[in-house]
C-alpha cells in the first residue's frame, strides 16, 4: 500500500492551488494510517521515502505525517505561538485570481494547517501576523481575512507602527517601522506571544513556503529532549527543498566563503541553513535574547543563533519541507545584493557583539568592513570568481586554507576598483 501511495503522489506542488494543499494532507493521513501499524511500517515508510525519484508530494506528506503523529501522541500540554512578518504581502495574503496570479491565500492556509496539526492534541496555538510597516496595507488585509474565517480568533494581527516609538523594551532603539526589515515585526510578535503566556515561539514567513502542519517536527525535540532552540534545516538529507532557478552569479562562492569565515562560530556547529524561516525558541530564552537586539533587519536569524550559542544552550536541527515562493519575494523586490549586504554586515556586527570575532573570523570581518562599502561593490563581485574558489564546494567555504582573508582583500580591491 505504501508503494502504491507513493507512486500516485504529485511530482509538483503549487503554493497557489488549494487543491494541492488538500491533496498533501490527504496523503499524510493515509501515511498516518500505515504508521499506526507499528514500528516496522514506520521504518518501511521512511526507507521508501528516502529512495531516488520519490515524488515531492510523498516526501512532504511523510514529514507532515511524522509531525502529526508526534502531536497526537504527545502528552505534555503547551501553548505555542507562530509569528510571521508582513511587508508587501498584500497579494499572497489573498486567494489566487485572474487579477492576482500569485495569490496564496496564505493566512487562511496557515490557520487550516495549524488546525490540522494540533486537532485533538495537547498543543494550543495562536498565530501572530505582524505588519512591518507595509505600504500596501497587509495588516488591514490580514484583519479582514481573519474576521471572515471561523478560526479568526486564533489570529492576533499587530502593527509595528502602533508600537513605536518605544521608550523601553526590545524596540526602544527602533525609530520607526520604516527602519525595520522584518526583525522589528518578528520581535513585536514574539513580545506579544511571550506576554500572552506562550511556552515557545515559532517564526516563519508570510507565504506558503513552509507548511505549518510540520510544527510537530520542531516541538518534538523541544518538549521531549528539552532543547530550547530547534532550527529547521533545509540542507538535511530528509528535507524537501524546492528553489527557483539560481538567483546568483558564480561570485556567490565569494560571498558564502566570507560569510562562513566571519560566522565561524555558527557554521562550525554544522548550522548551515541560517536563514530558514522555520525556527523555534523557548520563550524564556527568547525574552533574554530580544532584550537588546543587535539588528532589526533580516540578518536577525544569526543574531539569535549567536546569542543562543553564547549562552551554551542545546541547539537541535530538524528536516522539513520548503517550497520557494519566489514570485513576490522581498529579496527579489529589494535586490539580491542588498540582501547580501544586510546579511554580511549584520553577521559581522553580531559576532563582534557576542565575542566571536577572533582569529580568521575577525580578519575576514575587517576585510568586509574596509573593502566593501555597500551592495554596489557586491554587484561588482557576484559575476566573478577568484582562482582559489573555482573548485570550492560546500565543505571549503569559510576555510582560510582555501582562501585567506588577506588573499580575499587583494582580490576584492582589484575587483571593486575595476
Protein backbone atom coordinates (compact mmCIF):
# COMPACT_ATOMS: atom_id res chain seq x y z
CA UNK A 1 0.00 0.00 0.00
CA UNK A 2 2.83 2.44 0.84
CA UNK A 3 4.43 1.84 -2.55
CA UNK A 4 1.11 2.49 -4.28
CA UNK A 5 0.52 5.70 -2.35
CA UNK A 6 3.98 6.99 -3.19
CA UNK A 7 3.72 6.17 -6.88
CA UNK A 8 0.40 8.04 -7.15
CA UNK A 9 1.72 11.21 -5.49
CA UNK A 10 2.14 14.53 -7.29
CA UNK A 11 5.56 15.43 -8.61
CA UNK A 12 4.93 19.18 -8.24
CA UNK A 13 3.35 21.42 -5.64
CA UNK A 14 1.61 24.70 -6.48
CA UNK A 15 1.53 27.05 -3.48
CA UNK A 16 -1.34 28.99 -5.04
CA UNK A 17 -3.61 25.94 -5.52
CA UNK A 18 -5.84 24.93 -2.56
CA UNK A 19 -6.32 21.52 -4.16
CA UNK A 20 -2.63 20.80 -3.71
CA UNK A 21 -2.87 21.79 -0.04
CA UNK A 22 -5.74 19.35 0.48
CA UNK A 23 -4.06 16.61 -1.52
CA UNK A 24 -0.85 16.56 0.51
CA UNK A 25 -2.81 16.41 3.79
CA UNK A 26 -4.94 13.59 2.42
CA UNK A 27 -1.77 11.66 1.59
CA UNK A 28 -0.32 12.44 5.02
CA UNK A 29 -3.48 10.99 6.60
CA UNK A 30 -3.07 7.84 4.51
CA UNK A 31 0.53 7.55 5.68
CA UNK A 32 -0.63 8.01 9.28
CA UNK A 33 -2.91 5.01 8.93
CA UNK A 34 0.05 3.00 7.72
CA UNK A 35 2.21 4.25 10.60
CA UNK A 36 -0.43 3.04 13.04
CA UNK A 37 0.51 -0.49 12.06
CA UNK A 38 3.68 -0.25 14.15
CA UNK A 39 7.41 0.41 14.06
CA UNK A 40 8.04 -1.86 11.08
CA UNK A 41 5.59 0.14 8.98
CA UNK A 42 7.22 3.38 10.12
CA UNK A 43 10.68 2.15 9.14
CA UNK A 44 9.35 0.86 5.82
CA UNK A 45 7.80 4.25 5.02
CA UNK A 46 10.98 6.10 6.00
CA UNK A 47 13.13 3.90 3.78
CA UNK A 48 10.78 4.15 0.81
CA UNK A 49 10.62 7.95 1.06
CA UNK A 50 14.41 8.14 1.02
CA UNK A 51 14.65 6.30 -2.29
CA UNK A 52 15.63 8.06 -5.51
CA UNK A 53 12.85 9.58 -7.59
CA UNK A 54 10.20 9.75 -4.85
CA UNK A 55 7.57 12.37 -5.83
CA UNK A 56 7.78 15.63 -3.95
CA UNK A 57 4.27 15.34 -2.54
CA UNK A 58 5.05 11.97 -1.00
CA UNK A 59 8.14 13.26 0.77
CA UNK A 60 6.21 16.29 2.04
CA UNK A 61 3.40 14.05 3.25
CA UNK A 62 5.91 11.87 5.07
CA UNK A 63 7.20 14.87 7.03
CA UNK A 64 3.65 16.02 7.76
CA UNK A 65 2.67 12.54 8.93
CA UNK A 66 5.66 12.43 11.27
CA UNK A 67 4.71 15.81 12.68
CA UNK A 68 1.06 14.90 13.18
CA UNK A 69 1.90 11.51 14.72
CA UNK A 70 4.01 13.19 17.39
CA UNK A 71 1.37 15.85 18.02
CA UNK A 72 -1.27 13.18 18.69
CA UNK A 73 0.99 11.08 20.93
CA UNK A 74 2.46 13.97 22.96
CA UNK A 75 1.00 14.18 26.48
CA UNK A 76 2.52 17.48 27.61
CA UNK A 77 0.21 20.47 27.28
CA UNK A 78 1.88 23.52 25.82
CA UNK A 79 0.76 26.85 24.35
CA UNK A 80 2.75 27.72 21.24
CA UNK A 81 2.90 30.89 19.15
CA UNK A 82 3.62 31.12 15.44
CA UNK A 83 4.83 34.54 14.28
CA UNK A 84 5.32 35.98 10.82
CA UNK A 85 6.03 39.43 9.43
CA UNK A 86 4.15 41.13 6.61
CA UNK A 87 5.66 43.61 4.19
CA UNK A 88 4.48 43.68 0.59
CA UNK A 89 2.31 40.61 1.23
CA UNK A 90 -0.93 42.13 0.01
CA UNK A 91 -1.15 39.69 -2.90
CA UNK A 92 -0.02 36.45 -1.28
CA UNK A 93 -2.41 37.01 1.65
CA UNK A 94 -5.33 36.83 -0.78
CA UNK A 95 -6.54 33.97 -2.99
CA UNK A 96 -5.27 33.41 -6.49
CA UNK A 97 -7.38 35.01 -9.21
CA UNK A 98 -7.08 36.38 -12.71
CA UNK A 99 -6.08 39.74 -11.24
CA UNK A 100 -3.93 38.17 -8.51
CA UNK A 101 -1.94 35.34 -10.16
CA UNK A 102 0.47 34.95 -7.22
CA UNK A 103 -2.21 34.81 -4.56
CA UNK A 104 -1.68 32.05 -2.00
CA UNK A 105 -4.49 32.79 0.49
CA UNK A 106 -1.61 32.36 2.90
CA UNK A 107 -3.27 33.42 6.16
CA UNK A 108 -6.15 31.01 5.60
CA UNK A 109 -3.67 28.29 4.65
CA UNK A 110 -1.69 28.82 7.87
CA UNK A 111 -4.81 28.68 10.02
CA UNK A 112 -6.00 25.47 8.45
CA UNK A 113 -2.55 23.87 8.53
CA UNK A 114 -2.15 24.61 12.24
CA UNK A 115 -5.68 23.39 12.95
CA UNK A 116 -4.88 20.11 11.17
CA UNK A 117 -1.61 19.67 13.04
CA UNK A 118 -2.99 20.39 16.52
CA UNK A 119 -6.51 18.89 16.35
CA UNK A 120 -7.23 16.65 19.37
CA UNK A 121 -3.71 17.23 20.69
CA UNK A 122 -2.28 18.79 23.86
CA UNK A 123 -0.85 21.69 21.87
CA UNK A 124 -2.68 25.01 21.95
CA UNK A 125 -1.64 27.66 19.44
CA UNK A 126 -2.00 31.26 18.40
CA UNK A 127 -0.87 32.93 15.18
CA UNK A 128 0.69 36.40 15.27
CA UNK A 129 0.65 38.27 11.96
CA UNK A 130 2.66 41.49 12.21
CA UNK A 131 2.55 44.37 9.74
CA UNK A 132 6.16 45.56 9.33
CA UNK A 133 5.14 48.99 8.02
CA UNK A 134 3.73 47.58 4.77
CA UNK A 135 2.82 50.42 2.40
CA UNK A 136 0.10 48.29 0.80
CA UNK A 137 -1.99 47.58 3.88
CA UNK A 138 -1.05 43.97 4.59
CA UNK A 139 -2.19 44.39 8.19
CA UNK A 140 -5.66 45.53 7.21
CA UNK A 141 -5.97 42.70 4.69
CA UNK A 142 -4.96 40.19 7.37
CA UNK A 143 -7.55 41.62 9.78
CA UNK A 144 -10.26 41.32 7.15
CA UNK A 145 -9.30 37.76 6.23
CA UNK A 146 -9.24 36.75 9.89
CA UNK A 147 -12.61 38.35 10.59
CA UNK A 148 -14.17 36.29 7.80
CA UNK A 149 -12.70 32.94 8.85
CA UNK A 150 -14.07 30.53 11.51
CA UNK A 151 -10.59 30.32 13.05
CA UNK A 152 -10.13 34.08 13.01
CA UNK A 153 -9.88 34.34 16.81
CA UNK A 154 -6.68 32.30 16.53
CA UNK A 155 -5.01 35.27 14.80
CA UNK A 156 -3.56 38.31 16.52
CA UNK A 157 -2.83 40.97 13.91
CA UNK A 158 -0.31 43.53 15.13
CA UNK A 159 1.18 46.64 13.52
CA UNK A 160 4.74 47.63 14.24
CA UNK A 161 3.93 51.30 13.62
CA UNK A 162 1.47 51.21 16.55
CA UNK A 163 4.23 50.04 18.92
CA UNK A 164 6.68 52.81 18.00
CA UNK A 165 8.35 54.84 19.28
CA UNK A 166 9.02 52.75 22.37
CA UNK A 167 10.63 54.33 25.44
CA UNK A 168 11.96 51.00 26.67
CA UNK A 169 11.96 47.29 25.89
CA UNK A 170 13.26 45.39 22.83
CA UNK A 171 12.05 48.01 20.35
CA UNK A 172 13.40 51.13 22.07
CA UNK A 173 16.26 51.51 19.56
CA UNK A 174 13.93 51.30 16.55
CA UNK A 175 12.88 54.78 15.47
CA UNK A 176 10.02 53.81 13.17
CA UNK A 177 8.51 50.91 11.23
CA UNK A 178 10.32 52.22 8.14
CA UNK A 179 13.60 51.34 9.85
CA UNK A 180 12.63 47.70 10.35
CA UNK A 181 13.43 44.99 7.84
CA UNK A 182 11.42 42.04 9.18
CA UNK A 183 13.12 41.67 12.58
CA UNK A 184 11.21 44.51 14.19
CA UNK A 185 7.94 42.80 13.32
CA UNK A 186 9.12 39.36 14.43
CA UNK A 187 10.32 40.82 17.73
CA UNK A 188 6.97 42.55 18.29
CA UNK A 189 5.13 39.31 17.56
CA UNK A 190 7.42 37.43 19.95
CA UNK A 191 6.82 40.04 22.65
CA UNK A 192 3.08 39.61 22.23
CA UNK A 193 3.35 35.83 22.34
CA UNK A 194 5.51 35.84 25.46
CA UNK A 195 3.19 38.28 27.22
CA UNK A 196 0.24 36.02 26.31
CA UNK A 197 1.87 33.05 28.01
CA UNK A 198 3.24 31.03 25.10
CA UNK A 199 5.84 28.45 26.12
CA UNK A 200 7.61 28.64 22.77
CA UNK A 201 7.74 30.94 19.76
CA UNK A 202 7.99 29.60 16.23
CA UNK A 203 8.60 32.00 13.38
CA UNK A 204 8.01 31.53 9.70
CA UNK A 205 7.40 33.56 6.53
CA UNK A 206 4.17 35.17 5.36
CA UNK A 207 3.94 32.99 2.25
CA UNK A 208 3.10 29.29 1.97
CA UNK A 209 6.70 28.12 1.53
CA UNK A 210 6.61 26.26 4.88
CA UNK A 211 3.61 24.04 5.58
CA UNK A 212 2.79 24.68 9.23
CA UNK A 213 1.44 21.17 9.62
CA UNK A 214 5.11 20.44 10.30
CA UNK A 215 5.26 22.21 13.69
CA UNK A 216 5.47 18.86 15.45
CA UNK A 217 8.94 18.42 13.93
CA UNK A 218 10.10 21.49 15.89
CA UNK A 219 8.13 20.71 19.03
CA UNK A 220 9.32 17.13 19.45
CA UNK A 221 12.96 17.94 20.40
CA UNK A 222 11.78 20.98 22.37
CA UNK A 223 9.35 19.03 24.55
CA UNK A 224 10.83 15.53 24.55
CA UNK A 225 14.52 16.49 24.81
CA UNK A 226 14.21 19.95 26.39
CA UNK A 227 16.13 21.67 23.58
CA UNK A 228 15.36 25.41 23.90
CA UNK A 229 16.31 26.13 20.28
CA UNK A 230 15.20 24.00 17.33
CA UNK A 231 16.15 25.06 13.81
CA UNK A 232 14.64 23.83 10.58
CA UNK A 233 17.40 22.65 8.24
CA UNK A 234 16.67 22.62 4.52
CA UNK A 235 20.06 21.01 3.85
CA UNK A 236 19.20 17.86 5.81
CA UNK A 237 19.05 14.71 3.70
CA UNK A 238 15.41 14.11 4.68
CA UNK A 239 14.29 17.66 3.88
CA UNK A 240 12.32 18.69 0.83
CA UNK A 241 13.82 21.77 -0.80
CA UNK A 242 12.42 23.30 -3.95
CA UNK A 243 14.11 26.52 -5.03
CA UNK A 244 13.56 28.62 -8.08
CA UNK A 245 16.39 28.86 -10.60
CA UNK A 246 19.68 30.21 -9.29
CA UNK A 247 19.37 33.85 -8.25
CA UNK A 248 23.09 34.45 -8.02
CA UNK A 249 26.14 34.52 -10.28
CA UNK A 250 29.29 32.47 -9.76
CA UNK A 251 30.52 35.02 -7.26
CA UNK A 252 28.07 33.58 -4.72
CA UNK A 253 31.04 31.42 -3.71
CA UNK A 254 32.90 34.56 -2.65
CA UNK A 255 30.00 35.72 -0.50
CA UNK A 256 29.50 32.32 1.09
CA UNK A 257 33.21 32.00 1.81
CA UNK A 258 33.24 35.38 3.53
CA UNK A 259 30.02 34.61 5.38
CA UNK A 260 31.22 31.30 6.76
CA UNK A 261 34.58 32.61 7.82
CA UNK A 262 33.06 35.61 9.59
CA UNK A 263 30.35 33.43 11.12
CA UNK A 264 32.64 30.53 12.01
CA UNK A 265 31.04 30.29 15.46
CA UNK A 266 27.73 29.37 13.80
CA UNK A 267 28.78 27.38 10.76
CA UNK A 268 31.38 25.29 12.60
CA UNK A 269 28.49 23.88 14.65
CA UNK A 270 27.01 22.40 11.48
CA UNK A 271 24.35 25.12 11.37
CA UNK A 272 24.47 25.83 7.65
CA UNK A 273 20.91 26.89 6.88
CA UNK A 274 20.85 30.03 8.99
CA UNK A 275 18.08 31.81 7.09
CA UNK A 276 15.38 29.12 7.11
CA UNK A 277 12.15 30.69 8.33
CA UNK A 278 11.11 27.73 10.45
CA UNK A 279 12.66 28.01 13.89
CA UNK A 280 11.54 27.53 17.49
CA UNK A 281 12.81 29.33 20.59
CA UNK A 282 11.83 28.71 24.17
CA UNK A 283 10.03 31.83 25.40
CA UNK A 284 12.21 32.30 28.47
CA UNK A 285 15.39 32.17 26.41
CA UNK A 286 13.94 34.35 23.67
CA UNK A 287 12.91 37.01 26.17
CA UNK A 288 16.59 37.30 27.12
CA UNK A 289 17.79 37.30 23.51
CA UNK A 290 15.48 40.04 22.27
CA UNK A 291 16.01 42.30 25.28
CA UNK A 292 18.79 44.08 23.38
CA UNK A 293 18.64 43.16 19.66
CA UNK A 294 21.77 43.74 17.60
CA UNK A 295 19.77 44.36 14.42
CA UNK A 296 16.22 44.99 13.26
CA UNK A 297 16.77 43.64 9.75
CA UNK A 298 16.58 40.19 8.20
CA UNK A 299 20.04 39.21 9.45
CA UNK A 300 18.40 38.66 12.84
CA UNK A 301 18.44 34.86 12.36
CA UNK A 302 22.17 34.73 13.02
CA UNK A 303 21.84 37.31 15.80
CA UNK A 304 19.53 35.00 17.73
CA UNK A 305 21.60 31.89 16.97
CA UNK A 306 24.79 33.58 18.16
CA UNK A 307 23.04 34.77 21.31
CA UNK A 308 21.97 31.18 21.99
CA UNK A 309 25.49 29.86 21.32
CA UNK A 310 26.90 32.47 23.70
CA UNK A 311 24.64 31.06 26.41
CA UNK A 312 25.74 27.50 25.65
CA UNK A 313 22.24 26.11 25.21
CA UNK A 314 21.29 22.93 23.36
CA UNK A 315 20.51 23.68 19.71
CA UNK A 316 18.86 20.98 17.59
CA UNK A 317 18.21 20.86 13.86
CA UNK A 318 15.37 19.05 12.08
CA UNK A 319 14.47 18.36 8.45
CA UNK A 320 11.39 19.96 6.93
CA UNK A 321 9.78 20.72 3.58
CA UNK A 322 10.31 24.11 1.97
CA UNK A 323 8.96 25.18 -1.41
CA UNK A 324 10.28 28.53 -2.59
CA UNK A 325 7.65 31.21 -3.08
CA UNK A 326 9.82 33.41 -5.24
CA UNK A 327 7.35 35.37 -7.35
CA UNK A 328 6.96 38.22 -4.85
CA UNK A 329 9.87 37.55 -2.53
CA UNK A 330 11.17 40.59 -0.65
CA UNK A 331 14.73 39.65 -1.58
CA UNK A 332 13.79 39.94 -5.24
CA UNK A 333 11.97 43.24 -4.68
CA UNK A 334 14.85 44.73 -2.69
CA UNK A 335 17.59 43.32 -4.89
CA UNK A 336 19.79 40.31 -4.13
CA UNK A 337 22.94 42.27 -3.37
CA UNK A 338 21.05 44.50 -0.96
CA UNK A 339 20.04 41.26 0.75
CA UNK A 340 23.62 40.04 0.91
CA UNK A 341 24.86 43.42 2.14
CA UNK A 342 22.44 43.15 5.05
CA UNK A 343 23.33 39.54 5.83
CA UNK A 344 27.10 40.03 5.77
CA UNK A 345 27.31 43.32 7.64
CA UNK A 346 24.71 42.17 10.15
CA UNK A 347 26.63 38.96 10.83
CA UNK A 348 29.93 40.82 11.22
CA UNK A 349 28.37 43.19 13.74
CA UNK A 350 26.83 40.29 15.65
CA UNK A 351 29.99 38.21 16.02
CA UNK A 352 31.77 41.25 17.44
CA UNK A 353 28.96 41.87 19.91
CA UNK A 354 28.98 38.31 21.23
CA UNK A 355 32.76 37.95 21.35
CA UNK A 356 33.12 35.52 18.46
CA UNK A 357 35.23 37.85 16.25
CA UNK A 358 38.56 36.16 16.77
CA UNK A 359 41.36 34.93 14.51
CA UNK A 360 40.29 34.33 10.91
CA UNK A 361 36.72 35.42 11.67
CA UNK A 362 37.97 38.82 12.85
CA UNK A 363 40.33 39.10 9.89
CA UNK A 364 37.60 38.45 7.33
CA UNK A 365 35.28 40.80 9.17
CA UNK A 366 37.86 43.53 8.85
CA UNK A 367 38.14 42.82 5.12
CA UNK A 368 34.38 43.21 4.75
CA UNK A 369 34.28 46.50 6.65
CA UNK A 370 37.26 48.01 4.84
CA UNK A 371 36.84 46.72 1.28
CA UNK A 372 33.06 46.65 0.76
CA UNK A 373 31.13 49.90 1.01
CA UNK A 374 27.66 48.65 0.12
CA UNK A 375 25.64 46.46 -2.28
CA UNK A 376 27.12 48.24 -5.30
CA UNK A 377 30.53 46.78 -4.52
CA UNK A 378 28.96 43.35 -4.13
CA UNK A 379 27.40 43.76 -7.58
CA UNK A 380 30.93 44.03 -8.96
CA UNK A 381 31.77 40.72 -7.32
CA UNK A 382 28.79 38.46 -7.96
CA UNK A 383 29.67 37.52 -11.55
CA UNK A 384 33.36 36.88 -10.90
CA UNK A 385 35.39 34.31 -9.04
CA UNK A 386 38.97 34.19 -7.69
CA UNK A 387 41.04 31.15 -8.73
CA UNK A 388 41.18 29.89 -5.14
CA UNK A 389 37.41 29.32 -5.09
CA UNK A 390 36.87 27.94 -8.59
CA UNK A 391 36.77 24.33 -7.41
CA UNK A 392 35.46 25.10 -3.92
CA UNK A 393 32.46 23.19 -2.61
CA UNK A 394 30.28 23.43 0.49
CA UNK A 395 32.97 21.89 2.68
CA UNK A 396 35.52 24.50 1.56
CA UNK A 397 33.58 27.69 2.29
CA UNK A 398 35.00 29.53 5.29
CA UNK A 399 38.24 27.55 5.32
CA UNK A 400 41.16 30.03 5.43
CA UNK A 401 43.44 27.36 3.96
CA UNK A 402 41.35 27.53 0.77
CA UNK A 403 41.41 31.33 0.61
CA UNK A 404 42.72 33.53 3.39
CA UNK A 405 41.39 36.90 4.47
CA UNK A 406 44.49 38.59 3.03
CA UNK A 407 44.00 36.87 -0.33
CA UNK A 408 40.35 37.90 -0.33
CA UNK A 409 41.34 41.50 0.44
CA UNK A 410 43.72 41.63 -2.52
CA UNK A 411 41.18 40.12 -4.89
CA UNK A 412 38.38 42.42 -3.72
CA UNK A 413 40.49 45.51 -4.13
CA UNK A 414 41.27 44.62 -7.72
CA UNK A 415 37.70 43.55 -8.48
CA UNK A 416 35.91 46.50 -6.87
CA UNK A 417 38.31 49.02 -8.41
CA UNK A 418 37.77 47.66 -11.94
